[in-house]
C-alpha atoms as a PDB file:
ATOM      1  CA  MET A   1      13.486  26.794 -11.752  1.00  0.00           C
ATOM      2  CA  THR A   2      10.676  27.868 -14.017  1.00  0.00           C
ATOM      3  CA  ASN A   3       7.425  26.031 -14.416  1.00  0.00           C
ATOM      4  CA  GLY A   4       8.416  24.932 -17.943  1.00  0.00           C
ATOM      5  CA  ALA A   5      11.732  23.542 -16.592  1.00  0.00           C
ATOM      6  CA  ARG A   6      10.017  21.823 -13.743  1.00  0.00           C
ATOM      7  CA  ALA A   7       7.490  20.179 -16.122  1.00  0.00           C
ATOM      8  CA  ALA A   8      10.246  18.839 -18.141  1.00  0.00           C
ATOM      9  CA  ASP A   9      12.098  17.416 -15.096  1.00  0.00           C
ATOM     10  CA  PRO A  10      12.306  13.640 -15.509  1.00  0.00           C
ATOM     11  CA  LEU A  11      12.321  13.103 -11.722  1.00  0.00           C
ATOM     12  CA  ALA A  12       9.082  15.092 -11.319  1.00  0.00           C
ATOM     13  CA  ARG A  13       7.511  13.146 -14.125  1.00  0.00           C
ATOM     14  CA  ILE A  14       8.521   9.828 -12.562  1.00  0.00           C
ATOM     15  CA  ARG A  15       7.166  11.047  -9.220  1.00  0.00           C
ATOM     16  CA  ARG A  16       3.781  11.742 -10.890  1.00  0.00           C
ATOM     17  CA  TYR A  17       3.653   8.298 -12.457  1.00  0.00           C
ATOM     18  CA  LEU A  18       4.540   6.746  -9.022  1.00  0.00           C
ATOM     19  CA  LEU A  19       1.775   8.666  -7.323  1.00  0.00           C
ATOM     20  CA  ALA A  20      -0.644   7.704 -10.066  1.00  0.00           C
ATOM     21  CA  LEU A  21       0.360   4.047  -9.594  1.00  0.00           C
ATOM     22  CA  VAL A  22      -0.098   4.226  -5.820  1.00  0.00           C
ATOM     23  CA  THR A  23      -3.462   5.907  -6.153  1.00  0.00           C
ATOM     24  CA  PHE A  24      -4.721   3.511  -8.827  1.00  0.00           C
ATOM     25  CA  GLY A  25      -3.426   0.444  -6.920  1.00  0.00           C
ATOM     26  CA  THR A  26      -5.036   1.692  -3.666  1.00  0.00           C
ATOM     27  CA  VAL A  27      -8.354   2.299  -5.276  1.00  0.00           C
ATOM     28  CA  ALA A  28      -8.283  -1.034  -7.063  1.00  0.00           C
ATOM     29  CA  THR A  29      -7.299  -2.860  -3.886  1.00  0.00           C
ATOM     30  CA  THR A  30     -10.090  -1.186  -1.959  1.00  0.00           C
ATOM     31  CA  ALA A  31     -12.622  -2.228  -4.628  1.00  0.00           C
ATOM     32  CA  ASP A  32     -11.281  -5.761  -4.555  1.00  0.00           C
ATOM     33  CA  LEU A  33     -11.506  -5.998  -0.776  1.00  0.00           C
ATOM     34  CA  LEU A  34     -14.964  -4.626  -0.797  1.00  0.00           C
ATOM     35  CA  LEU A  35     -16.168  -6.949  -3.464  1.00  0.00           C
ATOM     36  CA  LEU A  36     -14.719  -9.881  -1.562  1.00  0.00           C
ATOM     37  CA  ALA A  37     -16.407  -8.718   1.688  1.00  0.00           C
ATOM     38  CA  HIS A  38     -13.069  -8.363   3.424  1.00  0.00           C
ATOM     39  CA  TYR A  39     -14.661  -6.651   6.404  1.00  0.00           C
ATOM     40  CA  GLU A  40     -16.070  -9.581   8.446  1.00  0.00           C
ATOM     41  CA  ASP A  41     -13.818  -9.145  11.465  1.00  0.00           C
ATOM     42  CA  THR A  42     -11.541  -6.378  12.810  1.00  0.00           C
ATOM     43  CA  LYS A  43      -8.408  -7.765  11.325  1.00  0.00           C
ATOM     44  CA  GLN A  44      -9.969  -7.583   7.821  1.00  0.00           C
ATOM     45  CA  LEU A  45     -10.661  -3.946   8.368  1.00  0.00           C
ATOM     46  CA  ILE A  46      -7.010  -3.008   8.705  1.00  0.00           C
ATOM     47  CA  PRO A  47      -6.212  -2.893   4.900  1.00  0.00           C
ATOM     48  CA  LEU A  48      -9.531  -0.994   4.261  1.00  0.00           C
ATOM     49  CA  THR A  49      -8.661   1.495   6.817  1.00  0.00           C
ATOM     50  CA  LEU A  50      -5.064   2.037   5.599  1.00  0.00           C
ATOM     51  CA  ASN A  51      -6.360   2.361   2.059  1.00  0.00           C
ATOM     52  CA  GLY A  52      -8.646   5.088   3.202  1.00  0.00           C
ATOM     53  CA  LEU A  53      -5.867   6.814   5.080  1.00  0.00           C
ATOM     54  CA  ALA A  54      -3.611   6.614   2.011  1.00  0.00           C
ATOM     55  CA  LEU A  55      -6.176   8.219  -0.263  1.00  0.00           C
ATOM     56  CA  LEU A  56      -6.804  10.924   2.275  1.00  0.00           C
ATOM     57  CA  ALA A  57      -3.003  11.601   2.501  1.00  0.00           C
ATOM     58  CA  ILE A  58      -2.697  11.672  -1.263  1.00  0.00           C
ATOM     59  CA  ALA A  59      -5.717  14.066  -1.541  1.00  0.00           C
ATOM     60  CA  TRP A  60      -4.159  16.294   1.150  1.00  0.00           C
ATOM     61  CA  TYR A  61      -0.936  16.435  -0.823  1.00  0.00           C
ATOM     62  CA  LEU A  62      -2.666  17.163  -4.097  1.00  0.00           C
ATOM     63  CA  VAL A  63      -4.671  20.052  -2.407  1.00  0.00           C
ATOM     64  CA  GLY A  64      -1.911  21.503  -0.227  1.00  0.00           C
ATOM     65  CA  GLY A  65       1.411  20.056  -1.344  1.00  0.00           C
ATOM     66  CA  THR A  66       2.938  20.335   2.130  1.00  0.00           C
ATOM     67  CA  GLY A  67       5.724  18.462   3.712  1.00  0.00           C
ATOM     68  CA  ASN A  68       3.333  17.212   6.541  1.00  0.00           C
ATOM     69  CA  SER A  69       1.219  15.616   3.852  1.00  0.00           C
ATOM     70  CA  ILE A  70       4.193  13.679   2.520  1.00  0.00           C
ATOM     71  CA  ARG A  71       5.147  12.683   6.066  1.00  0.00           C
ATOM     72  CA  LEU A  72       1.643  11.357   6.596  1.00  0.00           C
ATOM     73  CA  LEU A  73       1.912   9.448   3.302  1.00  0.00           C
ATOM     74  CA  GLN A  74       5.325   7.962   4.362  1.00  0.00           C
ATOM     75  CA  LEU A  75       3.766   6.889   7.613  1.00  0.00           C
ATOM     76  CA  VAL A  76       0.788   5.227   5.982  1.00  0.00           C
ATOM     77  CA  MET A  77       2.993   3.497   3.263  1.00  0.00           C
ATOM     78  CA  THR A  78       5.155   2.129   6.051  1.00  0.00           C
ATOM     79  CA  ALA A  79       2.022   0.746   7.584  1.00  0.00           C
ATOM     80  CA  PHE A  80       1.178  -0.674   4.188  1.00  0.00           C
ATOM     81  CA  VAL A  81       4.422  -2.633   4.189  1.00  0.00           C
ATOM     82  CA  LEU A  82       4.004  -3.940   7.733  1.00  0.00           C
ATOM     83  CA  ALA A  83       0.240  -4.770   7.102  1.00  0.00           C
ATOM     84  CA  GLY A  84       1.135  -6.605   3.894  1.00  0.00           C
ATOM     85  CA  MET A  85       3.715  -8.791   5.722  1.00  0.00           C
ATOM     86  CA  VAL A  86       1.307  -9.435   8.634  1.00  0.00           C
ATOM     87  CA  GLY A  87      -1.372 -10.213   6.158  1.00  0.00           C
ATOM     88  CA  VAL A  88       0.658 -12.868   4.395  1.00  0.00           C
ATOM     89  CA  VAL A  89       1.250 -14.551   7.767  1.00  0.00           C
ATOM     90  CA  LEU A  90      -2.405 -14.396   8.706  1.00  0.00           C
ATOM     91  CA  HIS A  91      -3.583 -15.763   5.280  1.00  0.00           C
ATOM     92  CA  TYR A  92      -0.936 -18.547   5.494  1.00  0.00           C
ATOM     93  CA  GLN A  93      -2.061 -19.438   9.005  1.00  0.00           C
ATOM     94  CA  GLY A  94      -5.715 -19.519   8.101  1.00  0.00           C
ATOM     95  CA  ASN A  95      -4.996 -21.778   5.158  1.00  0.00           C
ATOM     96  CA  LEU A  96      -2.710 -23.951   7.297  1.00  0.00           C
ATOM     97  CA  GLU A  97      -5.397 -24.519   9.918  1.00  0.00           C
ATOM     98  CA  PHE A  98      -7.942 -25.305   7.297  1.00  0.00           C
ATOM     99  CA  GLN A  99      -5.588 -27.895   5.630  1.00  0.00           C
ATOM    100  CA  LEU A 100      -4.752 -29.508   8.969  1.00  0.00           C
ATOM    101  CA  ASP A 101      -8.458 -29.730   9.767  1.00  0.00           C
ATOM    102  CA  ILE A 102      -9.014 -31.603   6.451  1.00  0.00           C
ATOM    103  CA  ASP A 103      -6.014 -33.989   6.842  1.00  0.00           C
ATOM    104  CA  PRO A 104      -3.666 -33.653   9.758  1.00  0.00           C
ATOM    105  CA  SER A 105      -1.476 -36.503   8.500  1.00  0.00           C
ATOM    106  CA  GLN A 106      -0.239 -34.558   5.317  1.00  0.00           C
ATOM    107  CA  SER A 107       3.457 -34.348   4.810  1.00  0.00           C
ATOM    108  CA  HIS A 108       5.161 -31.000   5.312  1.00  0.00           C
ATOM    109  CA  TRP A 109       5.682 -30.415   1.559  1.00  0.00           C
ATOM    110  CA  THR A 110       2.167 -31.324   0.651  1.00  0.00           C
ATOM    111  CA  LEU A 111       0.769 -29.222   3.424  1.00  0.00           C
ATOM    112  CA  PHE A 112       2.922 -26.259   2.290  1.00  0.00           C
ATOM    113  CA  SER A 113       1.985 -26.734  -1.313  1.00  0.00           C
ATOM    114  CA  LYS A 114      -1.750 -26.782  -0.514  1.00  0.00           C
ATOM    115  CA  VAL A 115      -1.526 -23.761   1.739  1.00  0.00           C
ATOM    116  CA  MET A 116       0.317 -21.735  -0.774  1.00  0.00           C
ATOM    117  CA  ARG A 117      -2.064 -22.714  -3.673  1.00  0.00           C
ATOM    118  CA  ALA A 118      -5.252 -22.079  -1.692  1.00  0.00           C
ATOM    119  CA  LYS A 119      -7.579 -19.602  -3.383  1.00  0.00           C
ATOM    120  CA  ALA A 120      -9.435 -18.495  -0.320  1.00  0.00           C
ATOM    121  CA  PRO A 121      -7.662 -16.718   1.156  1.00  0.00           C
ATOM    122  CA  PRO A 122      -4.781 -16.400  -1.333  1.00  0.00           C
ATOM    123  CA  ALA A 123      -1.710 -16.619   0.903  1.00  0.00           C
ATOM    124  CA  LEU A 124       0.381 -14.099  -0.961  1.00  0.00           C
ATOM    125  CA  ALA A 125      -2.392 -11.549  -1.817  1.00  0.00           C
ATOM    126  CA  PRO A 126      -1.440  -9.147   1.070  1.00  0.00           C
ATOM    127  CA  GLY A 127       2.004  -8.814  -0.597  1.00  0.00           C
ATOM    128  CA  ALA A 128       0.299  -6.474  -3.057  1.00  0.00           C
ATOM    129  CA  MET A 129      -0.217  -4.095  -0.204  1.00  0.00           C
ATOM    130  CA  ALA A 130       3.432  -4.257   0.759  1.00  0.00           C
ATOM    131  CA  GLN A 131       4.252  -3.492  -2.940  1.00  0.00           C
ATOM    132  CA  LEU A 132       2.036  -0.418  -2.910  1.00  0.00           C
ATOM    133  CA  GLY A 133       3.618   0.774   0.287  1.00  0.00           C
ATOM    134  CA  LEU A 134       7.112   0.352  -1.218  1.00  0.00           C
ATOM    135  CA  LEU A 135       6.022   2.318  -4.328  1.00  0.00           C
ATOM    136  CA  GLY A 136       4.703   5.082  -2.071  1.00  0.00           C
ATOM    137  CA  LEU A 137       7.933   5.254  -0.082  1.00  0.00           C
ATOM    138  CA  ILE A 138       9.883   5.445  -3.313  1.00  0.00           C
ATOM    139  CA  TYR A 139       7.552   8.386  -4.338  1.00  0.00           C
ATOM    140  CA  ALA A 140       8.219  10.194  -1.081  1.00  0.00           C
ATOM    141  CA  TYR A 141      11.960   9.559  -1.009  1.00  0.00           C
ATOM    142  CA  ARG A 142      13.724  12.933  -0.906  1.00  0.00           C
ATOM    143  CA  HIS A 143      10.479  14.513  -1.944  1.00  0.00           C
ATOM    144  CA  PRO A 144      10.946  18.334  -2.641  1.00  0.00           C
ATOM    145  CA  ALA A 145       8.178  19.121  -0.152  1.00  0.00           C
ATOM    146  CA  LEU A 146      10.266  17.758   2.640  1.00  0.00           C
ATOM    147  CA  ASP A 147      13.079  20.206   1.887  1.00  0.00           C
ATOM    148  CA  GLN A 148      10.877  23.315   2.437  1.00  0.00           C
ATOM    149  CA  SER A 149      11.934  25.434   5.353  1.00  0.00           C
ATOM    150  CA  SER A 150       8.433  25.815   6.628  1.00  0.00           C
ATOM    151  CA  PRO A 151       5.989  22.781   6.988  1.00  0.00           C
ATOM    152  CA  SER A 152       3.188  24.741   5.556  1.00  0.00           C
ATOM    153  CA  THR A 153       5.110  25.741   2.326  1.00  0.00           C
ATOM    154  CA  THR A 154       3.566  24.271  -0.724  1.00  0.00           C
ATOM    155  CA  VAL A 155       5.305  22.907  -3.768  1.00  0.00           C
ATOM    156  CA  ASP A 156       4.318  22.049  -7.301  1.00  0.00           C
ATOM    157  CA  LYS A 157       2.185  18.958  -7.292  1.00  0.00           C
ATOM    158  CA  GLY A 158       4.271  17.589 -10.225  1.00  0.00           C
ATOM    159  CA  ALA A 159       7.324  17.205  -8.108  1.00  0.00           C
END
């Protein structure tokens, strides 16, 4: 396939857009976490660490275009999904403990409603990390760099 044909390939274009979304979302999430001082304990460092790893994996792919860089990205994106799910649970538990300290006699529905509507920490906010992970996994699905016979073979960064 020529470079002109590859540039016109809709799948390659969609992959570029997906990678741009994952990169933008990761940078924006990192900035948000830093602005919120989401680094006060070890658990809070997990999303920041994963964001850093994701950006390194993306940079490695953009520089080298190897299958190994895509495999690393897949691994980190899988960790994003898992961390997002665990984060939702941790945020929910934190809000639940706070609400129970305020009024342990609340009905189940009232308690659930207050926990889900809490602004600090927002219970579903870590779900954004899971979404980024899924986008990254979609990007890497059957990626052309994974089909190369040699792990060090590079491919066009548009694919």
